[in-house]
Each structure stands twice: as structure tokens, then as C-alpha cells.
Protein backbone atom coordinates (compact mmCIF):
# COMPACT_ATOMS: atom_id res chain seq x y z
CA MET A 1 -16.79 13.28 -20.46
CA GLU A 2 -15.91 11.68 -17.71
CA GLN A 3 -18.39 12.48 -15.38
CA ASN A 4 -17.32 14.25 -12.09
CA ASN A 5 -17.53 12.17 -9.35
CA PHE A 6 -15.55 11.72 -6.01
CA PHE A 7 -12.69 14.55 -6.03
CA ASN A 8 -12.88 14.92 -9.60
CA LEU A 9 -11.17 11.47 -9.66
CA GLY A 10 -11.79 9.45 -12.53
CA LYS A 11 -12.72 5.20 -12.36
CA THR A 12 -9.23 4.44 -13.32
CA ASN A 13 -7.51 6.58 -10.52
CA MET A 14 -10.46 4.88 -7.94
CA ILE A 15 -8.89 1.61 -9.74
CA LEU A 16 -5.89 2.10 -8.95
CA ILE A 17 -5.79 3.18 -5.05
CA ALA A 18 -8.02 0.34 -4.03
CA ILE A 19 -4.86 -1.73 -5.70
CA SER A 20 -2.45 0.86 -3.42
CA PHE A 21 -4.19 0.59 -0.51
CA VAL A 22 -4.65 -3.03 -0.91
CA ILE A 23 -0.56 -3.38 -1.07
CA ILE A 24 -0.36 -1.26 1.83
CA VAL A 25 -2.23 -3.50 3.75
CA ALA A 26 -0.73 -6.26 2.40
CA GLY A 27 2.87 -4.80 3.63
CA PHE A 28 1.81 -3.71 7.54
CA ILE A 29 0.54 -7.62 7.50
CA ILE A 30 3.91 -8.82 6.57
CA MET A 31 5.47 -6.35 9.41
CA SER A 32 2.96 -7.94 11.86
CA GLY A 33 5.30 -10.28 13.70
CA VAL A 34 4.67 -13.13 15.67
CA GLU A 35 3.66 -12.27 19.84
CA SER A 36 6.81 -12.11 21.91
CA GLY A 37 5.23 -13.45 25.12
CA SER A 38 7.14 -13.12 28.49
CA GLU A 39 9.86 -14.48 26.61
CA TYR A 40 12.42 -13.33 24.45
CA ASN A 41 11.42 -14.75 20.20
CA PRO A 42 14.25 -13.65 18.18
CA ALA A 43 12.08 -14.21 15.05
CA ILE A 44 10.78 -10.28 15.70
CA PHE A 45 14.05 -9.57 14.19
CA SER A 46 13.82 -11.00 11.20
CA ALA A 47 14.15 -9.74 7.58
CA ARG A 48 11.00 -9.91 6.49
CA HIS A 49 9.74 -8.04 9.24
CA VAL A 50 11.58 -5.54 9.41
CA THR A 51 13.34 -4.96 5.30
CA VAL A 52 10.63 -6.80 3.58
CA GLY A 53 7.27 -5.73 4.83
CA PRO A 54 7.77 -1.96 5.43
CA MET A 55 9.17 -2.10 1.58
CA ILE A 56 6.08 -2.95 0.53
CA SER A 57 4.60 -0.56 2.63
CA PHE A 58 6.37 2.18 1.04
CA ALA A 59 6.11 1.03 -2.61
CA GLY A 60 2.24 0.87 -2.25
CA PHE A 61 2.13 5.14 -0.86
CA VAL A 62 4.30 5.77 -3.65
CA PHE A 63 2.02 3.80 -5.98
CA MET A 64 -1.11 5.81 -3.76
CA ILE A 65 0.61 9.53 -5.33
CA ILE A 66 0.73 7.91 -8.66
CA ALA A 67 -2.31 6.50 -8.60
CA ILE A 68 -4.19 9.84 -7.96
CA LEU A 69 -1.86 12.05 -9.53
CA TYR A 70 -2.37 10.00 -12.83
CA LYS A 71 -4.46 11.40 -15.51
CA LYS A 72 -5.53 9.40 -18.72
CA LYS A 73 -4.40 11.14 -22.22
CA GLU A 74 -6.82 12.44 -23.76
CA LYS A 75 -7.28 11.73 -27.86
């Protein structure tokens, strides 16, 4: 019998939630751009900042939902 802990989520759920949190943070780090300053810098519109970062963050949020809903198969 698994011990009831934080919101009745098991150890596996907590590990998966931690992994998804790291994925979300990585996506936000990728989205952060270079400082523009007072002059125009077209690097803020690169595919990495506009497309890849949000896709990674979205995947992290989807994985977070899966991690919360994951239930270990009982024998």
C-alpha cells in the first residue's frame, strides 16, 4: 500500500511533475530573447524564440497534465 502524501499523488507522479516543470522552465528560457535596447534587433523574431520555445513549454504543460493523472497499474 502506497503511503498517502501530497494530494494523494505517488512518488512516480512527483518525479514526472518535476520533469515536466524542468521542461516548462527550459521552454521559457529558450523563449527569452536578447535585450533589444534602444535600437532595433531582428534577433527577437528568430524561430527559436517564437516557435521552438513555446512548443517546448506547451509540451511541458501537456506532460504535467499526464503526470498528474498518471496512475500506477495495480497487480
